[in-house]
PDB file of N, CA and C in Angstrom:
ATOM      1  N   MET A   1      67.073  92.417  37.691  1.00  0.00           N
ATOM      2  CA  MET A   1      67.044  91.015  38.036  1.00  0.00           C
ATOM      3  C   MET A   1      65.717  90.416  37.564  1.00  0.00           C
ATOM      4  N   ALA A   2      65.782  89.298  36.880  1.00  0.00           N
ATOM      5  CA  ALA A   2      64.583  88.644  36.352  1.00  0.00           C
ATOM      6  C   ALA A   2      63.811  87.980  37.480  1.00  0.00           C
ATOM      7  N   THR A   3      62.495  88.030  37.363  1.00  0.00           N
ATOM      8  CA  THR A   3      61.637  87.367  38.328  1.00  0.00           C
ATOM      9  C   THR A   3      61.309  85.980  37.809  1.00  0.00           C
ATOM     10  N   LEU A   4      61.514  84.985  38.651  1.00  0.00           N
ATOM     11  CA  LEU A   4      61.201  83.617  38.265  1.00  0.00           C
ATOM     12  C   LEU A   4      59.730  83.342  38.543  1.00  0.00           C
ATOM     13  N   LEU A   5      59.076  82.733  37.598  1.00  0.00           N
ATOM     14  CA  LEU A   5      57.678  82.382  37.760  1.00  0.00           C
ATOM     15  C   LEU A   5      57.563  81.023  38.429  1.00  0.00           C
ATOM     16  N   PRO A   6      56.542  80.837  39.254  1.00  0.00           N
ATOM     17  CA  PRO A   6      56.331  79.505  39.841  1.00  0.00           C
ATOM     18  C   PRO A   6      56.097  78.470  38.744  1.00  0.00           C
ATOM     19  N   ASP A   7      56.516  77.225  39.004  1.00  0.00           N
ATOM     20  CA  ASP A   7      56.386  76.148  38.023  1.00  0.00           C
ATOM     21  C   ASP A   7      54.970  76.007  37.503  1.00  0.00           C
ATOM     22  N   ALA A   8      53.987  76.110  38.381  1.00  0.00           N
ATOM     23  CA  ALA A   8      52.592  75.949  37.958  1.00  0.00           C
ATOM     24  C   ALA A   8      52.206  77.019  36.945  1.00  0.00           C
ATOM     25  N   MET A   9      52.697  78.230  37.127  1.00  0.00           N
ATOM     26  CA  MET A   9      52.367  79.310  36.199  1.00  0.00           C
ATOM     27  C   MET A   9      53.029  79.064  34.839  1.00  0.00           C
ATOM     28  N   VAL A  10      54.255  78.596  34.866  1.00  0.00           N
ATOM     29  CA  VAL A  10      54.967  78.293  33.623  1.00  0.00           C
ATOM     30  C   VAL A  10      54.227  77.198  32.859  1.00  0.00           C
ATOM     31  N   ARG A  11      53.767  76.151  33.586  1.00  0.00           N
ATOM     32  CA  ARG A  11      53.017  75.071  32.936  1.00  0.00           C
ATOM     33  C   ARG A  11      51.731  75.598  32.315  1.00  0.00           C
ATOM     34  N   ARG A  12      51.026  76.474  33.022  1.00  0.00           N
ATOM     35  CA  ARG A  12      49.781  77.019  32.464  1.00  0.00           C
ATOM     36  C   ARG A  12      50.059  77.831  31.208  1.00  0.00           C
ATOM     37  N   LEU A  13      51.137  78.610  31.223  1.00  0.00           N
ATOM     38  CA  LEU A  13      51.468  79.415  30.048  1.00  0.00           C
ATOM     39  C   LEU A  13      51.853  78.531  28.865  1.00  0.00           C
ATOM     40  N   LEU A  14      52.661  77.506  29.116  1.00  0.00           N
ATOM     41  CA  LEU A  14      53.036  76.574  28.053  1.00  0.00           C
ATOM     42  C   LEU A  14      51.779  75.899  27.509  1.00  0.00           C
ATOM     43  N   GLY A  15      50.910  75.457  28.398  1.00  0.00           N
ATOM     44  CA  GLY A  15      49.676  74.794  27.987  1.00  0.00           C
ATOM     45  C   GLY A  15      48.781  75.703  27.161  1.00  0.00           C
ATOM     46  N   ALA A  16      48.672  76.953  27.588  1.00  0.00           N
ATOM     47  CA  ALA A  16      47.837  77.908  26.845  1.00  0.00           C
ATOM     48  C   ALA A  16      48.410  78.133  25.450  1.00  0.00           C
ATOM     49  N   ARG A  17      49.729  78.265  25.361  1.00  0.00           N
ATOM     50  CA  ARG A  17      50.364  78.460  24.047  1.00  0.00           C
ATOM     51  C   ARG A  17      50.147  77.235  23.157  1.00  0.00           C
ATOM     52  N   LEU A  18      50.307  76.054  23.734  1.00  0.00           N
ATOM     53  CA  LEU A  18      50.111  74.828  22.963  1.00  0.00           C
ATOM     54  C   LEU A  18      48.678  74.745  22.458  1.00  0.00           C
ATOM     55  N   GLY A  19      47.716  75.053  23.318  1.00  0.00           N
ATOM     56  CA  GLY A  19      46.316  75.016  22.903  1.00  0.00           C
ATOM     57  C   GLY A  19      46.021  75.971  21.760  1.00  0.00           C
ATOM     58  N   VAL A  20      46.562  77.166  21.828  1.00  0.00           N
ATOM     59  CA  VAL A  20      46.357  78.163  20.759  1.00  0.00           C
ATOM     60  C   VAL A  20      46.971  77.665  19.452  1.00  0.00           C
ATOM     61  N   ILE A  21      48.173  77.134  19.522  1.00  0.00           N
ATOM     62  CA  ILE A  21      48.855  76.657  18.317  1.00  0.00           C
ATOM     63  C   ILE A  21      48.092  75.488  17.697  1.00  0.00           C
ATOM     64  N   LEU A  22      47.607  74.571  18.526  1.00  0.00           N
ATOM     65  CA  LEU A  22      46.824  73.452  17.998  1.00  0.00           C
ATOM     66  C   LEU A  22      45.586  73.972  17.265  1.00  0.00           C
ATOM     67  N   ARG A  23      44.881  74.925  17.875  1.00  0.00           N
ATOM     68  CA  ARG A  23      43.682  75.486  17.217  1.00  0.00           C
ATOM     69  C   ARG A  23      44.048  76.189  15.907  1.00  0.00           C
ATOM     70  N   GLN A  24      45.140  76.960  15.925  1.00  0.00           N
ATOM     71  CA  GLN A  24      45.569  77.661  14.713  1.00  0.00           C
ATOM     72  C   GLN A  24      45.915  76.687  13.596  1.00  0.00           C
ATOM     73  N   ARG A  25      46.497  75.564  13.954  1.00  0.00           N
ATOM     74  CA  ARG A  25      46.910  74.570  12.954  1.00  0.00           C
ATOM     75  C   ARG A  25      45.780  73.609  12.585  1.00  0.00           C
ATOM     76  N   GLY A  26      44.664  73.692  13.320  1.00  0.00           N
ATOM     77  CA  GLY A  26      43.559  72.776  13.061  1.00  0.00           C
ATOM     78  C   GLY A  26      43.880  71.343  13.467  1.00  0.00           C
ATOM     79  N   VAL A  27      44.687  71.203  14.511  1.00  0.00           N
ATOM     80  CA  VAL A  27      45.103  69.885  14.989  1.00  0.00           C
ATOM     81  C   VAL A  27      44.392  69.622  16.316  1.00  0.00           C
ATOM     82  N   SER A  28      43.767  68.471  16.433  1.00  0.00           N
ATOM     83  CA  SER A  28      43.091  68.124  17.685  1.00  0.00           C
ATOM     84  C   SER A  28      44.091  67.530  18.679  1.00  0.00           C
ATOM     85  N   GLN A  29      43.693  67.511  19.935  1.00  0.00           N
ATOM     86  CA  GLN A  29      44.532  66.869  20.945  1.00  0.00           C
ATOM     87  C   GLN A  29      44.705  65.397  20.615  1.00  0.00           C
ATOM     88  N   GLN A  30      43.639  64.769  20.120  1.00  0.00           N
ATOM     89  CA  GLN A  30      43.713  63.349  19.751  1.00  0.00           C
ATOM     90  C   GLN A  30      44.728  63.130  18.628  1.00  0.00           C
ATOM     91  N   GLN A  31      44.706  63.995  17.619  1.00  0.00           N
ATOM     92  CA  GLN A  31      45.650  63.856  16.509  1.00  0.00           C
ATOM     93  C   GLN A  31      47.091  64.008  16.986  1.00  0.00           C
ATOM     94  N   LEU A  32      47.327  65.000  17.843  1.00  0.00           N
ATOM     95  CA  LEU A  32      48.684  65.192  18.363  1.00  0.00           C
ATOM     96  C   LEU A  32      49.101  63.985  19.191  1.00  0.00           C
ATOM     97  N   ALA A  33      48.191  63.485  20.011  1.00  0.00           N
ATOM     98  CA  ALA A  33      48.491  62.312  20.839  1.00  0.00           C
ATOM     99  C   ALA A  33      48.879  61.118  19.973  1.00  0.00           C
ATOM    100  N   GLU A  34      48.143  60.908  18.904  1.00  0.00           N
ATOM    101  CA  GLU A  34      48.455  59.781  18.010  1.00  0.00           C
ATOM    102  C   GLU A  34      49.825  59.953  17.365  1.00  0.00           C
ATOM    103  N   GLN A  35      50.140  61.167  16.950  1.00  0.00           N
ATOM    104  CA  GLN A  35      51.447  61.426  16.331  1.00  0.00           C
ATOM    105  C   GLN A  35      52.594  61.193  17.314  1.00  0.00           C
ATOM    106  N   LEU A  36      52.340  61.495  18.597  1.00  0.00           N
ATOM    107  CA  LEU A  36      53.378  61.367  19.615  1.00  0.00           C
ATOM    108  C   LEU A  36      53.367  60.013  20.311  1.00  0.00           C
ATOM    109  N   ASP A  37      52.378  59.203  19.973  1.00  0.00           N
ATOM    110  CA  ASP A  37      52.204  57.892  20.604  1.00  0.00           C
ATOM    111  C   ASP A  37      52.030  58.019  22.125  1.00  0.00           C
ATOM    112  N   VAL A  38      51.162  58.962  22.517  1.00  0.00           N
ATOM    113  CA  VAL A  38      50.784  59.130  23.924  1.00  0.00           C
ATOM    114  C   VAL A  38      49.261  59.118  23.992  1.00  0.00           C
ATOM    115  N   HIS A  39      48.728  58.977  25.188  1.00  0.00           N
ATOM    116  CA  HIS A  39      47.280  59.001  25.370  1.00  0.00           C
ATOM    117  C   HIS A  39      46.779  60.432  25.239  1.00  0.00           C
ATOM    118  N   ARG A  40      45.562  60.582  24.739  1.00  0.00           N
ATOM    119  CA  ARG A  40      44.990  61.918  24.573  1.00  0.00           C
ATOM    120  C   ARG A  40      44.946  62.672  25.893  1.00  0.00           C
ATOM    121  N   SER A  41      44.756  61.959  26.990  1.00  0.00           N
ATOM    122  CA  SER A  41      44.699  62.635  28.293  1.00  0.00           C
ATOM    123  C   SER A  41      46.038  63.302  28.633  1.00  0.00           C
ATOM    124  N   ALA A  42      47.146  62.766  28.127  1.00  0.00           N
ATOM    125  CA  ALA A  42      48.450  63.408  28.357  1.00  0.00           C
ATOM    126  C   ALA A  42      48.475  64.775  27.682  1.00  0.00           C
ATOM    127  N   VAL A  43      47.999  64.836  26.448  1.00  0.00           N
ATOM    128  CA  VAL A  43      47.965  66.113  25.725  1.00  0.00           C
ATOM    129  C   VAL A  43      46.996  67.071  26.427  1.00  0.00           C
ATOM    130  N   SER A  44      45.878  66.555  26.884  1.00  0.00           N
ATOM    131  CA  SER A  44      44.918  67.382  27.612  1.00  0.00           C
ATOM    132  C   SER A  44      45.551  67.976  28.864  1.00  0.00           C
ATOM    133  N   ARG A  45      46.317  67.179  29.581  1.00  0.00           N
ATOM    134  CA  ARG A  45      47.001  67.677  30.788  1.00  0.00           C
ATOM    135  C   ARG A  45      48.037  68.738  30.450  1.00  0.00           C
ATOM    136  N   TRP A  46      48.715  68.566  29.319  1.00  0.00           N
ATOM    137  CA  TRP A  46      49.679  69.589  28.901  1.00  0.00           C
ATOM    138  C   TRP A  46      48.950  70.897  28.596  1.00  0.00           C
ATOM    139  N   CYS A  47      47.858  70.793  27.853  1.00  0.00           N
ATOM    140  CA  CYS A  47      47.121  72.000  27.447  1.00  0.00           C
ATOM    141  C   CYS A  47      46.476  72.708  28.631  1.00  0.00           C
ATOM    142  N   SER A  48      46.119  71.953  29.649  1.00  0.00           N
ATOM    143  CA  SER A  48      45.489  72.560  30.827  1.00  0.00           C
ATOM    144  C   SER A  48      46.521  73.099  31.816  1.00  0.00           C
ATOM    145  N   GLY A  49      47.790  72.766  31.602  1.00  0.00           N
ATOM    146  CA  GLY A  49      48.833  73.210  32.506  1.00  0.00           C
ATOM    147  C   GLY A  49      49.006  72.313  33.712  1.00  0.00           C
ATOM    148  N   GLU A  50      48.328  71.171  33.695  1.00  0.00           N
ATOM    149  CA  GLU A  50      48.444  70.227  34.809  1.00  0.00           C
ATOM    150  C   GLU A  50      49.797  69.515  34.816  1.00  0.00           C
ATOM    151  N   ARG A  51      50.324  69.243  33.631  1.00  0.00           N
ATOM    152  CA  ARG A  51      51.607  68.546  33.471  1.00  0.00           C
ATOM    153  C   ARG A  51      52.390  69.192  32.340  1.00  0.00           C
ATOM    154  N   ASP A  52      53.682  68.908  32.307  1.00  0.00           N
ATOM    155  CA  ASP A  52      54.550  69.351  31.209  1.00  0.00           C
ATOM    156  C   ASP A  52      54.935  68.152  30.361  1.00  0.00           C
ATOM    157  N   PRO A  53      55.078  68.358  29.059  1.00  0.00           N
ATOM    158  CA  PRO A  53      55.676  67.292  28.248  1.00  0.00           C
ATOM    159  C   PRO A  53      57.151  67.164  28.645  1.00  0.00           C
ATOM    160  N   ASN A  54      57.689  65.951  28.522  1.00  0.00           N
ATOM    161  CA  ASN A  54      59.115  65.802  28.825  1.00  0.00           C
ATOM    162  C   ASN A  54      59.916  66.426  27.674  1.00  0.00           C
ATOM    163  N   PRO A  55      61.217  66.623  27.851  1.00  0.00           N
ATOM    164  CA  PRO A  55      62.012  67.289  26.809  1.00  0.00           C
ATOM    165  C   PRO A  55      61.918  66.618  25.435  1.00  0.00           C
ATOM    166  N   GLY A  56      61.894  65.300  25.395  1.00  0.00           N
ATOM    167  CA  GLY A  56      61.770  64.611  24.112  1.00  0.00           C
ATOM    168  C   GLY A  56      60.414  64.862  23.465  1.00  0.00           C
ATOM    169  N   GLN A  57      59.372  64.855  24.273  1.00  0.00           N
ATOM    170  CA  GLN A  57      58.032  65.132  23.754  1.00  0.00           C
ATOM    171  C   GLN A  57      57.934  66.575  23.273  1.00  0.00           C
ATOM    172  N   LEU A  58      58.528  67.485  24.029  1.00  0.00           N
ATOM    173  CA  LEU A  58      58.518  68.891  23.637  1.00  0.00           C
ATOM    174  C   LEU A  58      59.193  69.068  22.275  1.00  0.00           C
ATOM    175  N   ARG A  59      60.305  68.400  22.098  1.00  0.00           N
ATOM    176  CA  ARG A  59      61.024  68.463  20.812  1.00  0.00           C
ATOM    177  C   ARG A  59      60.140  67.915  19.691  1.00  0.00           C
ATOM    178  N   SER A  60      59.493  66.777  19.945  1.00  0.00           N
ATOM    179  CA  SER A  60      58.616  66.176  18.935  1.00  0.00           C
ATOM    180  C   SER A  60      57.422  67.067  18.617  1.00  0.00           C
ATOM    181  N   ILE A  61      56.844  67.681  19.634  1.00  0.00           N
ATOM    182  CA  ILE A  61      55.718  68.605  19.419  1.00  0.00           C
ATOM    183  C   ILE A  61      56.155  69.723  18.486  1.00  0.00           C
ATOM    184  N   CYS A  62      57.301  70.291  18.770  1.00  0.00           N
ATOM    185  CA  CYS A  62      57.798  71.408  17.954  1.00  0.00           C
ATOM    186  C   CYS A  62      58.080  70.981  16.520  1.00  0.00           C
ATOM    187  N   LEU A  63      58.629  69.796  16.341  1.00  0.00           N
ATOM    188  CA  LEU A  63      58.888  69.300  14.983  1.00  0.00           C
ATOM    189  C   LEU A  63      57.579  69.047  14.238  1.00  0.00           C
ATOM    190  N   LEU A  64      56.623  68.405  14.910  1.00  0.00           N
ATOM    191  CA  LEU A  64      55.340  68.089  14.262  1.00  0.00           C
ATOM    192  C   LEU A  64      54.553  69.343  13.894  1.00  0.00           C
ATOM    193  N   LEU A  65      54.610  70.352  14.769  1.00  0.00           N
ATOM    194  CA  LEU A  65      53.841  71.578  14.530  1.00  0.00           C
ATOM    195  C   LEU A  65      54.660  72.653  13.816  1.00  0.00           C
ATOM    196  N   ALA A  66      55.907  72.336  13.516  1.00  0.00           N
ATOM    197  CA  ALA A  66      56.816  73.264  12.816  1.00  0.00           C
ATOM    198  C   ALA A  66      56.906  74.604  13.544  1.00  0.00           C
ATOM    199  N   ILE A  67      57.216  74.515  14.852  1.00  0.00           N
ATOM    200  CA  ILE A  67      57.374  75.728  15.649  1.00  0.00           C
ATOM    201  C   ILE A  67      58.698  75.692  16.392  1.00  0.00           C
ATOM    202  N   ASP A  68      59.166  76.861  16.763  1.00  0.00           N
ATOM    203  CA  ASP A  68      60.378  76.991  17.542  1.00  0.00           C
ATOM    204  C   ASP A  68      60.053  76.690  18.999  1.00  0.00           C
ATOM    205  N   PRO A  69      60.856  75.888  19.685  1.00  0.00           N
ATOM    206  CA  PRO A  69      60.601  75.600  21.096  1.00  0.00           C
ATOM    207  C   PRO A  69      60.485  76.869  21.948  1.00  0.00           C
ATOM    208  N   ALA A  70      61.204  77.909  21.572  1.00  0.00           N
ATOM    209  CA  ALA A  70      61.144  79.159  22.327  1.00  0.00           C
ATOM    210  C   ALA A  70      59.719  79.722  22.341  1.00  0.00           C
ATOM    211  N   LEU A  71      58.966  79.480  21.293  1.00  0.00           N
ATOM    212  CA  LEU A  71      57.580  79.951  21.237  1.00  0.00           C
ATOM    213  C   LEU A  71      56.750  79.291  22.328  1.00  0.00           C
ATOM    214  N   LEU A  72      56.876  77.992  22.471  1.00  0.00           N
ATOM    215  CA  LEU A  72      56.119  77.284  23.510  1.00  0.00           C
ATOM    216  C   LEU A  72      56.603  77.655  24.907  1.00  0.00           C
ATOM    217  N   LEU A  73      57.904  77.824  25.043  1.00  0.00           N
ATOM    218  CA  LEU A  73      58.482  78.092  26.352  1.00  0.00           C
ATOM    219  C   LEU A  73      58.406  79.559  26.745  1.00  0.00           C
ATOM    220  N   GLY A  74      57.996  80.400  25.814  1.00  0.00           N
ATOM    221  CA  GLY A  74      57.861  81.820  26.110  1.00  0.00           C
ATOM    222  C   GLY A  74      59.192  82.538  26.268  1.00  0.00           C
ATOM    223  N   LEU A  75      60.175  82.078  25.513  1.00  0.00           N
ATOM    224  CA  LEU A  75      61.503  82.695  25.593  1.00  0.00           C
ATOM    225  C   LEU A  75      61.693  83.759  24.537  1.00  0.00           C
TER     226      LEU A  75
END
């Protein structure tokens, strides 16, 4: 039986993965925010695990960074 992780832990893991991918791609939080038409603080909150991007934003992040959503979601 799979163990479900608390939401806060899932957000931190998603945020950590997003931060690593941004650094690997040489993309700043500000640049991603501009591409997504959101405030930089929104991207900062995602990277810190404080908040999650909504499904549409998650899709856009994956398209912009050319990554599979499963990578960010840890699937």
